[in-house]
Amino acid sequence: MGSKHTCRVLLVYPRFVSETFWNFAEACELMGARYPAAPLGLITVAAMLPPHWEVRFVDRNTEDLTETDLGWADMVMTGGMLPQQADSLALIELCRRRKLPVVVGGPDPTSSPHIYERADFRVLGEAEGILTEFIAAWDAGTRTGTFTAPKFQADVTTSPIPRFDLIKFENYLYVGVQYSRGCPFTCEFCDIIELYGRVPRTKATPQILAELDRLYALGHRGHVDFVDDNLIGNKKALKLFLPHLKAWQEEHDYPFEFSTEASVNLSDDDELLRMMRDAGFFGVFVGIESPDPATLVLMKKKQNTRRNLVDSIHKIYRAGMFVTGGFIIGFDNEKTDVGESLAEFIELSAIPVAMVGLLYALPNTQLTRRLVKEGRLHPNHDVAATTGGDQCTTGLNFDTLRPLRDVLRDYKRVLQTIYAPEAYAARLQRLASLLDRSKSRRDLPAAADLRGKASAMQMMHRIVTALPEAREPFMRVLVTCARENPDATRIIVKLMAMYLHLGPFSRRVIAEIDRRIEADVVAPLAPVAMADTGATA
């Protein structure tokens, strides 16, 4: 048994790179928040620490890390995803200068542990499978080391209720909970199956309802995101859970509305769509990637080739949930009209918020291993200082088969088309005609929706002053939606608020892409030798 000596642990959530698609800084400001999503991983780790240890939490995206915080701590725990790598490394150096032991973990250290060699401890893989070993070593006096969890074996039913009490709800647009880990599909570019496996593991129903109970008791109301990478990965388990979620919502007067991420085959299951709607889901992120079947086959996303994708998206709308879509440009077999066809698909499917990025070879994926074998992966492909950590501006960390400038021009064409104010408004208009919210709750309880009501009243004034070119098309959408589909108005208003970020952000990305095109025209990239990543075929 470990000693009962206390330890003061400072959990520090690193900053994300500021210029990302998901930042939504302008929308956050409008709605009185500082950042879109509350962190979940580190506050879950906090709940796994010995109860006699003292814990503090700092989110560098919403607050400052002070000398007082560092002076209090016996240990710093940090880490996260690739877009947080730069700040994670800065935190490691900050701690080293103070001779303060620092522990890193999370997806990026797990995928690229060599980048984090200067941390005192690396705790790799799922925390449930390894954290007790680290704690025992610390209690025994160990002050350096690497601890690696067995892959895909963590029992998520043992995961504790996250320490939601450590976060300030008012700083965020929404908070997250996690129901499952893993995804049954084999997409070549995806690191989820490398980190969490292809057999989705789910929490027990009482366990996830206890997390919602805690959020409710702490006073949170409104948006809760199920952060699962594919909520429907285990449909059988999900269908057993959703009636209990609906009952919980009814017993508490629907204090929450839910969003999540799911594969497009969600549209195949009428019963599942109904159950999600009845439980209070209003939005879902879907990885569509490309409308071209040949490209989908190449990326090993064959599940998207077995249906009409536009019809599938519209079916989700008819179930009362809007879709945020993920799209990628830069695959090997893309045609020269990829920019035009992708923009056309986004318009036809009426997806207002379309996350279009450049293909990025994430560490430790099938794609990365293939590119290593082909000698096409760039050196330092997984170093944020080289890549920037944002696939909208610095993707394509490998030699493309098509000329780089052609890929970039196609990407630029998509952004110019879909994020013009008139085009965005047209998709909102079409979505408003398709989104059937008649069987969904139109409004949240008053206590939950104060921030939303305030932002709705301010939104048009903000649009007029910040983006006057959007005034007329947005007003037309608002008037038409209020008249013809009032049940959808609140969601349409929120999507308008998102354009405060998406419009300017798309123009900044276009300017950066122009610089990359110019650099490639003036000095094309020389062939790159095979990178030494330590990966195996």
Protein backbone atom coordinates (compact mmCIF):
# COMPACT_ATOMS: atom_id res chain seq x y z
CA MET A 1 0.00 0.00 0.00
CA GLY A 2 1.11 3.55 -0.72
CA SER A 3 1.71 6.05 2.05
CA LYS A 4 -0.93 8.49 3.20
CA HIS A 5 1.36 11.47 2.69
CA THR A 6 -0.54 14.18 0.87
CA CYS A 7 0.51 15.62 -2.46
CA ARG A 8 -0.53 18.97 -3.88
CA VAL A 9 -1.37 18.43 -7.56
CA LEU A 10 -1.81 21.31 -9.97
CA LEU A 11 -3.68 20.16 -13.08
CA VAL A 12 -3.01 22.54 -15.98
CA TYR A 13 -4.99 22.29 -19.21
CA PRO A 14 -2.77 23.68 -22.00
CA ARG A 15 -3.80 26.36 -24.47
CA PHE A 16 -4.99 25.32 -27.89
CA VAL A 17 -3.47 27.19 -30.82
CA SER A 18 -5.55 30.33 -31.14
CA GLU A 19 -6.40 30.28 -34.83
CA THR A 20 -8.48 27.12 -35.23
CA PHE A 21 -11.83 26.28 -36.75
CA TRP A 22 -13.21 25.25 -33.36
CA ASN A 23 -12.14 28.37 -31.46
CA PHE A 24 -15.39 30.32 -32.00
CA ALA A 25 -13.98 33.24 -30.01
CA GLU A 26 -16.44 35.76 -31.41
CA ALA A 27 -19.45 33.55 -30.68
CA CYS A 28 -18.12 32.92 -27.16
CA GLU A 29 -17.81 36.64 -26.56
CA LEU A 30 -21.35 37.23 -27.79
CA MET A 31 -22.72 34.57 -25.44
CA GLY A 32 -20.68 35.62 -22.42
CA ALA A 33 -18.25 32.67 -22.42
CA ARG A 34 -14.47 32.52 -22.68
CA TYR A 35 -14.08 29.22 -24.53
CA PRO A 36 -16.39 26.76 -26.29
CA ALA A 37 -15.80 23.49 -24.44
CA ALA A 38 -14.96 22.70 -20.85
CA PRO A 39 -12.06 20.21 -20.51
CA LEU A 40 -13.01 16.67 -19.58
CA GLY A 41 -9.86 14.54 -19.59
CA LEU A 42 -7.92 16.25 -16.83
CA ILE A 43 -10.90 16.63 -14.51
CA THR A 44 -11.50 12.90 -14.96
CA VAL A 45 -7.89 12.24 -14.00
CA ALA A 46 -8.42 14.50 -10.98
CA ALA A 47 -11.21 12.19 -9.82
CA MET A 48 -8.82 9.19 -9.98
CA LEU A 49 -6.24 10.73 -7.64
CA PRO A 50 -6.08 9.61 -4.00
CA PRO A 51 -8.75 11.41 -1.95
CA HIS A 52 -6.15 12.68 0.55
CA TRP A 53 -4.23 14.48 -2.23
CA GLU A 54 -5.02 18.16 -2.72
CA VAL A 55 -6.00 19.27 -6.21
CA ARG A 56 -6.19 22.58 -8.06
CA PHE A 57 -7.13 23.08 -11.70
CA VAL A 58 -6.19 25.81 -14.20
CA ASP A 59 -7.47 26.00 -17.77
CA ARG A 60 -5.00 28.12 -19.71
CA ASN A 61 -7.66 28.78 -22.36
CA THR A 62 -9.79 30.73 -19.87
CA GLU A 63 -7.51 31.89 -17.04
CA ASP A 64 -3.92 32.69 -16.13
CA LEU A 65 -1.47 30.30 -14.53
CA THR A 66 0.06 32.27 -11.65
CA GLU A 67 3.27 32.06 -9.63
CA THR A 68 1.07 31.39 -6.61
CA ASP A 69 -0.34 28.29 -8.32
CA LEU A 70 3.11 26.98 -9.16
CA GLY A 71 4.49 27.79 -5.72
CA TRP A 72 1.68 25.82 -4.07
CA ALA A 73 2.16 22.64 -6.11
CA ASP A 74 4.22 19.53 -5.40
CA MET A 75 3.48 18.22 -8.89
CA VAL A 76 2.02 19.51 -12.16
CA MET A 77 -0.09 17.29 -14.41
CA THR A 78 -0.68 18.43 -17.99
CA GLY A 79 -1.01 17.23 -21.58
CA GLY A 80 -3.65 16.98 -24.26
CA MET A 81 -4.05 16.91 -28.02
CA LEU A 82 -1.76 17.93 -30.89
CA PRO A 83 -3.11 21.52 -31.10
CA GLN A 84 -2.10 21.86 -27.40
CA GLN A 85 1.41 20.51 -27.92
CA ALA A 86 3.21 23.84 -28.06
CA ASP A 87 1.78 25.02 -24.76
CA SER A 88 2.31 21.61 -23.15
CA LEU A 89 6.01 21.79 -24.02
CA ALA A 90 6.20 25.36 -22.72
CA LEU A 91 4.65 24.21 -19.44
CA ILE A 92 7.22 21.43 -19.14
CA GLU A 93 10.06 23.95 -19.46
CA LEU A 94 8.36 26.30 -17.02
CA CYS A 95 8.22 23.50 -14.45
CA ARG A 96 11.78 22.36 -15.09
CA ARG A 97 13.09 25.85 -14.37
CA ARG A 98 11.35 25.65 -10.99
CA LYS A 99 12.47 22.05 -10.35
CA LEU A 100 8.77 21.18 -10.13
CA PRO A 101 7.97 17.60 -11.21
CA VAL A 102 5.73 17.55 -14.26
CA VAL A 103 3.59 14.67 -15.53
CA VAL A 104 2.24 14.55 -19.11
CA GLY A 105 -0.45 12.36 -20.61
CA GLY A 106 -3.27 12.41 -23.11
CA PRO A 107 -3.62 11.62 -26.82
CA ASP A 108 -0.61 13.55 -28.14
CA PRO A 109 1.95 12.27 -25.61
CA THR A 110 0.56 8.76 -26.15
CA SER A 111 0.94 9.08 -29.94
CA SER A 112 4.28 10.93 -29.90
CA PRO A 113 6.00 10.19 -26.57
CA HIS A 114 9.42 11.15 -27.96
CA ILE A 115 8.31 14.78 -28.16
CA TYR A 116 7.71 14.85 -24.41
CA GLU A 117 11.05 13.41 -23.25
CA ARG A 118 11.79 16.40 -21.03
CA ALA A 119 8.80 15.73 -18.80
CA ASP A 120 9.63 13.97 -15.55
CA PHE A 121 6.84 11.47 -16.06
CA ARG A 122 4.96 10.26 -19.12
CA VAL A 123 1.69 8.47 -18.35
CA LEU A 124 0.62 7.03 -21.69
CA GLY A 125 -2.64 5.47 -22.79
CA GLU A 126 -5.96 5.42 -20.97
CA ALA A 127 -5.64 6.67 -17.41
CA GLU A 128 -7.91 4.00 -15.93
CA GLY A 129 -5.38 1.38 -17.00
CA ILE A 130 -2.19 2.90 -15.59
CA LEU A 131 -2.71 5.79 -13.16
CA THR A 132 -2.71 3.62 -10.01
CA GLU A 133 0.72 2.29 -11.02
CA PHE A 134 2.03 5.84 -11.37
CA ILE A 135 0.55 6.89 -8.00
CA ALA A 136 2.15 3.89 -6.28
CA ALA A 137 5.53 4.77 -7.81
CA TRP A 138 5.22 8.39 -6.70
CA ASP A 139 4.31 7.35 -3.17
CA ALA A 140 7.33 5.03 -3.14
CA GLY A 141 9.62 7.96 -3.95
CA THR A 142 10.07 7.52 -7.71
CA ARG A 143 10.52 10.89 -9.40
CA THR A 144 10.90 9.98 -13.05
CA GLY A 145 9.61 7.36 -15.44
CA THR A 146 7.26 6.27 -18.21
CA PHE A 147 4.08 4.36 -17.44
CA THR A 148 2.16 2.81 -20.33
CA ALA A 149 -1.33 1.35 -20.11
CA PRO A 150 -2.20 -1.86 -21.98
CA LYS A 151 -3.99 -0.88 -25.19
CA PHE A 152 -7.78 -1.03 -25.40
CA GLN A 153 -8.17 -2.76 -22.03
CA ALA A 154 -9.25 0.04 -19.69
CA ASP A 155 -12.55 -0.76 -18.00
CA VAL A 156 -14.55 2.42 -18.52
CA THR A 157 -17.18 1.21 -16.06
CA THR A 158 -14.60 1.95 -13.34
CA SER A 159 -14.08 5.53 -14.52
CA PRO A 160 -15.17 7.94 -11.76
CA ILE A 161 -17.45 10.94 -12.02
CA PRO A 162 -15.26 13.76 -13.38
CA ARG A 163 -14.44 16.58 -10.98
CA PHE A 164 -16.93 19.00 -12.54
CA ASP A 165 -16.61 21.08 -9.37
CA LEU A 166 -13.13 22.17 -10.51
CA ILE A 167 -14.38 24.05 -13.58
CA LYS A 168 -16.20 27.37 -13.84
CA PHE A 169 -19.29 26.64 -15.93
CA GLU A 170 -19.75 30.29 -16.84
CA ASN A 171 -16.49 30.21 -18.81
CA TYR A 172 -17.81 27.73 -21.38
CA LEU A 173 -20.54 27.38 -23.97
CA TYR A 174 -20.98 23.73 -23.02
CA VAL A 175 -19.60 20.89 -20.93
CA GLY A 176 -18.90 17.31 -21.94
CA VAL A 177 -19.55 13.78 -20.75
CA GLN A 178 -18.26 10.54 -22.25
CA TYR A 179 -20.40 7.44 -22.74
CA SER A 180 -18.12 5.26 -24.87
CA ARG A 181 -14.64 4.88 -26.32
CA GLY A 182 -13.62 3.31 -29.60
CA CYS A 183 -15.06 3.06 -33.11
CA PRO A 184 -15.80 -0.02 -35.24
CA PHE A 185 -14.62 1.53 -38.51
CA THR A 186 -11.11 1.60 -40.03
CA CYS A 187 -10.66 5.06 -41.57
CA GLU A 188 -7.02 5.29 -42.64
CA PHE A 189 -6.41 8.84 -41.42
CA CYS A 190 -8.04 8.42 -37.99
CA ASP A 191 -6.13 7.95 -34.73
CA ILE A 192 -9.16 7.00 -32.60
CA ILE A 193 -8.89 3.31 -33.43
CA GLU A 194 -5.16 3.48 -32.65
CA LEU A 195 -5.78 5.06 -29.25
CA TYR A 196 -8.98 3.34 -28.14
CA GLY A 197 -9.52 0.35 -30.44
CA ARG A 198 -12.29 -0.89 -32.71
CA VAL A 199 -14.51 -2.45 -30.05
CA PRO A 200 -16.47 0.39 -28.41
CA ARG A 201 -16.57 0.15 -24.61
CA THR A 202 -19.48 1.82 -22.86
CA LYS A 203 -20.12 3.09 -19.37
CA ALA A 204 -22.97 1.63 -17.33
CA THR A 205 -26.30 3.46 -17.39
CA PRO A 206 -26.27 4.34 -13.65
CA GLN A 207 -22.72 5.60 -14.08
CA ILE A 208 -23.51 8.13 -16.83
CA LEU A 209 -26.74 9.22 -15.14
CA ALA A 210 -24.72 9.87 -11.98
CA GLU A 211 -22.52 12.23 -14.03
CA LEU A 212 -25.61 14.10 -15.20
CA ASP A 213 -26.86 14.18 -11.59
CA ARG A 214 -23.59 15.83 -10.56
CA LEU A 215 -23.81 18.42 -13.33
CA TYR A 216 -27.40 19.14 -12.36
CA ALA A 217 -26.56 19.45 -8.65
CA LEU A 218 -23.73 21.87 -9.44
CA GLY A 219 -26.19 24.11 -11.27
CA HIS A 220 -25.29 23.52 -14.90
CA ARG A 221 -28.15 23.83 -17.36
CA GLY A 222 -28.23 23.82 -21.14
CA HIS A 223 -25.77 22.31 -23.60
CA VAL A 224 -24.01 19.02 -22.76
CA ASP A 225 -21.85 17.33 -25.40
CA PHE A 226 -21.38 13.57 -25.50
CA VAL A 227 -17.73 13.68 -26.55
CA ASP A 228 -17.68 10.10 -27.88
CA ASP A 229 -15.88 9.83 -31.20
CA ASN A 230 -18.77 7.71 -32.44
CA LEU A 231 -21.74 7.60 -30.08
CA ILE A 232 -23.43 4.89 -32.16
CA GLY A 233 -20.38 2.60 -32.34
CA ASN A 234 -22.26 0.15 -30.13
CA LYS A 235 -25.88 0.62 -31.22
CA LYS A 236 -27.20 -2.20 -29.09
CA ALA A 237 -25.85 -0.69 -25.87
CA LEU A 238 -26.92 2.81 -26.87
CA LYS A 239 -30.51 1.72 -27.51
CA LEU A 240 -30.64 0.22 -24.03
CA PHE A 241 -29.29 3.45 -22.54
CA LEU A 242 -31.36 6.09 -24.37
CA PRO A 243 -34.74 5.29 -22.73
CA HIS A 244 -33.10 5.83 -19.33
CA LEU A 245 -31.64 9.12 -20.56
CA LYS A 246 -35.08 10.21 -21.76
CA ALA A 247 -36.62 9.26 -18.39
CA TRP A 248 -33.93 11.20 -16.55
CA GLN A 249 -34.62 14.26 -18.71
CA GLU A 250 -38.35 14.03 -18.05
CA GLU A 251 -37.84 13.69 -14.29
CA HIS A 252 -35.67 16.83 -14.28
CA ASP A 253 -37.78 18.91 -16.72
CA TYR A 254 -35.26 18.57 -19.58
CA PRO A 255 -32.45 20.69 -18.10
CA PHE A 256 -29.98 19.62 -20.80
CA GLU A 257 -29.86 19.43 -24.58
CA PHE A 258 -27.27 17.16 -26.13
CA SER A 259 -24.90 17.13 -29.07
CA THR A 260 -22.50 14.40 -30.13
CA GLU A 261 -20.46 12.86 -32.96
CA ALA A 262 -21.64 9.86 -34.93
CA SER A 263 -21.04 8.05 -38.20
CA VAL A 264 -23.47 8.76 -41.02
CA ASN A 265 -25.06 5.31 -40.76
CA LEU A 266 -27.06 6.87 -37.94
CA SER A 267 -29.47 7.80 -40.71
CA ASP A 268 -30.15 4.11 -41.45
CA ASP A 269 -31.89 3.56 -38.13
CA ASP A 270 -35.27 5.24 -37.72
CA GLU A 271 -35.69 3.92 -34.19
CA LEU A 272 -32.32 5.26 -33.08
CA LEU A 273 -33.03 8.67 -34.59
CA ARG A 274 -36.32 8.83 -32.73
CA MET A 275 -34.74 7.74 -29.46
CA MET A 276 -32.01 10.36 -29.71
CA ARG A 277 -34.53 13.07 -30.51
CA ASP A 278 -36.74 12.06 -27.58
CA ALA A 279 -33.74 12.11 -25.21
CA GLY A 280 -32.95 15.70 -26.17
CA PHE A 281 -30.25 15.52 -28.86
CA PHE A 282 -30.26 18.56 -31.15
CA GLY A 283 -26.99 18.35 -33.10
CA VAL A 284 -24.49 15.80 -34.39
CA PHE A 285 -21.06 16.07 -35.99
CA VAL A 286 -20.68 13.66 -38.92
CA GLY A 287 -17.41 12.85 -40.64
CA ILE A 288 -18.33 12.92 -44.31
CA GLU A 289 -14.82 13.69 -45.65
CA SER A 290 -15.64 13.48 -49.38
CA PRO A 291 -18.65 12.97 -51.65
CA ASP A 292 -16.51 10.92 -54.08
CA PRO A 293 -16.95 7.13 -53.60
CA ALA A 294 -13.49 6.31 -54.97
CA THR A 295 -11.85 8.67 -52.49
CA LEU A 296 -13.91 7.20 -49.65
CA VAL A 297 -12.77 3.69 -50.60
CA LEU A 298 -9.13 4.84 -50.67
CA MET A 299 -9.37 6.29 -47.16
CA LYS A 300 -11.09 3.06 -45.96
CA LYS A 301 -14.34 4.83 -45.20
CA LYS A 302 -16.50 2.45 -47.22
CA GLN A 303 -19.43 2.88 -44.83
CA ASN A 304 -20.05 6.27 -46.46
CA THR A 305 -20.31 4.74 -49.95
CA ARG A 306 -23.36 2.61 -49.11
CA ARG A 307 -25.91 5.41 -49.18
CA ASN A 308 -26.91 8.70 -50.75
CA LEU A 309 -25.08 11.07 -48.43
CA VAL A 310 -27.28 14.09 -49.10
CA ASP A 311 -30.44 12.09 -48.38
CA SER A 312 -28.81 10.71 -45.23
CA ILE A 313 -28.07 14.19 -43.90
CA HIS A 314 -31.58 15.40 -44.68
CA LYS A 315 -33.03 12.40 -42.84
CA ILE A 316 -31.15 13.43 -39.70
CA TYR A 317 -32.63 16.93 -40.12
CA ARG A 318 -36.12 15.45 -40.28
CA ALA A 319 -35.41 13.75 -36.96
CA GLY A 320 -34.83 17.17 -35.38
CA MET A 321 -31.04 17.27 -35.27
CA PHE A 322 -28.82 19.54 -37.35
CA VAL A 323 -25.53 18.25 -38.76
CA THR A 324 -22.06 19.74 -38.53
CA GLY A 325 -19.95 18.11 -41.23
CA GLY A 326 -16.28 17.21 -41.44
CA PHE A 327 -14.58 17.32 -44.86
CA ILE A 328 -11.00 16.77 -46.01
CA ILE A 329 -9.05 17.76 -49.12
CA GLY A 330 -5.70 16.26 -50.09
CA PHE A 331 -6.33 12.55 -50.74
CA ASP A 332 -4.19 10.84 -53.35
CA ASN A 333 -6.87 10.08 -55.93
CA GLU A 334 -8.84 13.34 -55.85
CA LYS A 335 -10.03 14.66 -59.18
CA THR A 336 -9.27 18.12 -60.47
CA ASP A 337 -12.85 19.24 -59.80
CA VAL A 338 -12.74 18.25 -56.10
CA GLY A 339 -13.17 21.85 -54.94
CA GLU A 340 -16.26 22.38 -57.04
CA SER A 341 -17.84 19.02 -56.18
CA LEU A 342 -17.20 19.42 -52.45
CA ALA A 343 -18.70 22.91 -52.36
CA GLU A 344 -21.70 21.66 -54.33
CA PHE A 345 -22.24 18.80 -51.88
CA ILE A 346 -22.11 21.14 -48.88
CA GLU A 347 -24.70 23.38 -50.52
CA LEU A 348 -27.01 20.47 -51.47
CA SER A 349 -26.81 18.89 -48.04
CA ALA A 350 -27.48 22.26 -46.36
CA ILE A 351 -24.72 21.90 -43.78
CA PRO A 352 -24.05 25.45 -42.53
CA VAL A 353 -21.05 24.64 -40.30
CA ALA A 354 -18.75 22.64 -42.58
CA MET A 355 -15.32 21.92 -41.10
CA VAL A 356 -13.20 21.67 -44.27
CA GLY A 357 -9.56 20.88 -43.60
CA LEU A 358 -6.44 19.75 -45.38
CA LEU A 359 -5.46 16.11 -44.96
CA TYR A 360 -3.07 15.74 -42.05
CA ALA A 361 -1.11 12.58 -41.33
CA LEU A 362 -1.63 12.20 -37.59
CA PRO A 363 1.02 10.31 -35.63
CA ASN A 364 0.58 6.57 -35.34
CA THR A 365 -2.13 6.06 -37.94
CA GLN A 366 -2.46 3.75 -40.92
CA LEU A 367 -2.00 6.78 -43.18
CA THR A 368 1.24 7.80 -41.49
CA ARG A 369 2.65 4.29 -41.66
CA ARG A 370 1.81 4.06 -45.38
CA LEU A 371 3.41 7.42 -46.12
CA VAL A 372 6.57 6.35 -44.29
CA LYS A 373 6.78 3.23 -46.46
CA GLU A 374 6.30 5.38 -49.57
CA GLY A 375 8.93 7.91 -48.49
CA ARG A 376 6.42 10.78 -48.60
CA LEU A 377 6.08 11.85 -44.98
CA HIS A 378 7.74 15.13 -44.07
CA PRO A 379 10.35 15.33 -41.30
CA ASN A 380 8.96 16.54 -37.97
CA HIS A 381 5.48 15.67 -39.20
CA ASP A 382 4.20 15.44 -35.63
CA VAL A 383 5.93 18.51 -34.16
CA ALA A 384 3.53 21.39 -33.55
CA ALA A 385 6.30 23.96 -34.01
CA THR A 386 6.61 22.69 -37.60
CA THR A 387 2.98 21.99 -38.37
CA GLY A 388 1.23 24.70 -36.39
CA GLY A 389 -1.23 22.12 -35.10
CA ASP A 390 -4.07 23.36 -37.30
CA GLN A 391 -5.11 21.41 -40.37
CA CYS A 392 -6.91 24.35 -41.95
CA THR A 393 -3.69 26.23 -42.63
CA THR A 394 -0.85 23.74 -42.13
CA GLY A 395 -2.18 20.37 -43.19
CA LEU A 396 -0.58 18.26 -45.94
CA ASN A 397 2.49 17.27 -43.92
CA PHE A 398 3.50 14.90 -46.71
CA ASP A 399 4.31 15.01 -50.42
CA THR A 400 1.02 15.14 -52.32
CA LEU A 401 0.61 13.22 -55.56
CA ARG A 402 -1.07 16.18 -57.22
CA PRO A 403 0.91 19.43 -57.34
CA LEU A 404 0.62 21.05 -53.92
CA ARG A 405 -0.52 24.36 -55.36
CA ASP A 406 -3.42 22.63 -57.13
CA VAL A 407 -4.60 21.01 -53.90
CA LEU A 408 -4.36 24.36 -52.11
CA ARG A 409 -6.26 26.15 -54.85
CA ASP A 410 -9.07 23.61 -54.66
CA TYR A 411 -9.19 24.05 -50.89
CA LYS A 412 -9.28 27.83 -51.24
CA ARG A 413 -12.10 27.55 -53.78
CA VAL A 414 -14.25 25.60 -51.32
CA LEU A 415 -13.77 28.12 -48.50
CA GLN A 416 -14.43 31.09 -50.78
CA THR A 417 -17.66 29.48 -51.97
CA ILE A 418 -19.23 28.11 -48.80
CA TYR A 419 -18.38 30.93 -46.40
CA ALA A 420 -19.53 33.82 -48.53
CA PRO A 421 -22.35 35.47 -46.51
CA GLU A 422 -25.02 34.76 -49.13
CA ALA A 423 -23.98 31.10 -49.40
CA TYR A 424 -23.98 30.57 -45.63
CA ALA A 425 -27.38 32.25 -45.36
CA ALA A 426 -28.74 30.08 -48.18
CA ARG A 427 -27.72 26.93 -46.32
CA LEU A 428 -29.34 28.26 -43.16
CA GLN A 429 -32.51 28.92 -45.16
CA ARG A 430 -32.55 25.40 -46.55
CA LEU A 431 -31.79 23.90 -43.16
CA ALA A 432 -34.68 25.89 -41.67
CA SER A 433 -37.01 24.32 -44.23
CA LEU A 434 -35.75 20.78 -43.49
CA LEU A 435 -35.20 20.78 -39.71
CA ASP A 436 -38.23 19.25 -38.03
CA ARG A 437 -38.21 20.36 -34.40
CA SER A 438 -41.96 19.89 -33.96
CA LYS A 439 -41.44 16.85 -31.71
CA SER A 440 -38.48 18.36 -29.87
CA ARG A 441 -38.52 20.80 -27.00
CA ARG A 442 -38.42 24.29 -28.48
CA ASP A 443 -37.05 26.07 -25.42
CA LEU A 444 -34.93 25.09 -22.47
CA PRO A 445 -36.09 25.93 -18.94
CA ALA A 446 -35.67 29.64 -18.25
CA ALA A 447 -32.66 29.14 -15.98
CA ALA A 448 -30.85 27.27 -18.74
CA ASP A 449 -31.47 29.64 -21.60
CA LEU A 450 -30.71 33.08 -20.20
CA ARG A 451 -27.39 33.21 -22.02
CA GLY A 452 -29.06 32.03 -25.24
CA LYS A 453 -31.82 34.63 -25.01
CA ALA A 454 -29.33 37.42 -24.42
CA SER A 455 -27.22 36.35 -27.38
CA ALA A 456 -30.27 36.12 -29.64
CA MET A 457 -31.26 39.69 -28.84
CA GLN A 458 -27.76 40.96 -29.46
CA MET A 459 -26.90 38.86 -32.48
CA MET A 460 -28.34 40.96 -35.30
CA HIS A 461 -26.81 44.14 -33.94
CA ARG A 462 -23.45 42.41 -33.72
CA ILE A 463 -23.78 41.06 -37.27
CA VAL A 464 -24.64 44.52 -38.58
CA THR A 465 -21.68 46.16 -36.89
CA ALA A 466 -19.08 43.43 -37.35
CA LEU A 467 -20.17 41.92 -40.67
CA PRO A 468 -22.49 44.34 -42.45
CA GLU A 469 -22.34 42.26 -45.65
CA ALA A 470 -24.31 39.54 -43.82
CA ARG A 471 -27.11 41.82 -42.62
CA GLU A 472 -29.62 41.44 -45.45
CA PRO A 473 -29.25 37.68 -46.14
CA PHE A 474 -29.36 36.85 -42.42
CA MET A 475 -32.41 39.02 -41.84
CA ARG A 476 -34.23 37.23 -44.66
CA VAL A 477 -33.45 33.88 -43.08
CA LEU A 478 -34.55 35.00 -39.63
CA VAL A 479 -37.86 36.42 -40.82
CA THR A 480 -38.66 33.40 -42.99
CA CYS A 481 -37.74 30.89 -40.29
CA ALA A 482 -39.76 32.71 -37.61
CA ARG A 483 -42.78 32.68 -39.93
CA GLU A 484 -42.53 29.20 -41.46
CA ASN A 485 -40.67 27.05 -38.90
CA PRO A 486 -40.63 28.83 -35.51
CA ASP A 487 -39.60 25.61 -33.75
CA ALA A 488 -36.21 25.84 -35.50
CA THR A 489 -35.60 29.54 -34.85
CA ARG A 490 -33.44 29.16 -31.75
CA ILE A 491 -31.05 26.78 -33.52
CA ILE A 492 -30.87 28.95 -36.64
CA VAL A 493 -30.03 31.97 -34.46
CA LYS A 494 -27.17 30.05 -32.82
CA LEU A 495 -25.82 29.05 -36.22
CA MET A 496 -25.91 32.70 -37.26
CA ALA A 497 -23.85 33.54 -34.19
CA MET A 498 -21.26 30.96 -35.28
CA TYR A 499 -20.74 32.91 -38.51
CA LEU A 500 -19.21 35.70 -36.45
CA HIS A 501 -16.26 33.33 -36.18
CA LEU A 502 -16.56 31.33 -39.39
CA GLY A 503 -16.74 34.28 -41.77
CA PRO A 504 -13.57 36.08 -40.59
CA PHE A 505 -11.77 32.80 -39.89
CA SER A 506 -12.32 31.52 -43.42
CA ARG A 507 -10.88 34.75 -44.81
CA ARG A 508 -7.80 34.43 -42.59
CA VAL A 509 -7.30 30.85 -43.77
CA ILE A 510 -7.66 31.90 -47.40
CA ALA A 511 -4.98 34.56 -46.91
CA GLU A 512 -2.64 31.98 -45.40
CA ILE A 513 -3.35 29.52 -48.22
CA ASP A 514 -2.51 32.27 -50.74
CA ARG A 515 0.87 32.61 -49.01
CA ARG A 516 1.46 28.85 -49.24
CA ILE A 517 0.55 28.85 -52.93
CA GLU A 518 2.91 31.74 -53.61
CA ALA A 519 5.72 30.01 -51.72
CA ASP A 520 5.21 26.82 -53.71
CA VAL A 521 5.13 28.66 -57.03
CA VAL A 522 8.33 30.55 -56.27
CA ALA A 523 10.18 27.65 -54.64
CA PRO A 524 8.48 24.27 -55.06
CA LEU A 525 9.21 21.75 -52.35
CA ALA A 526 12.08 19.38 -53.10
CA PRO A 527 11.46 15.65 -52.72
CA VAL A 528 11.56 14.64 -49.08
CA ALA A 529 13.41 11.58 -47.84
CA MET A 530 11.68 9.04 -45.64
CA ALA A 531 11.22 10.44 -42.15
CA ASP A 532 12.64 8.49 -39.23
CA THR A 533 9.53 8.29 -37.07
CA GLY A 534 10.16 4.97 -35.40
CA ALA A 535 6.91 3.71 -36.92
CA THR A 536 6.66 0.22 -38.34
CA ALA A 537 4.86 -0.88 -41.46
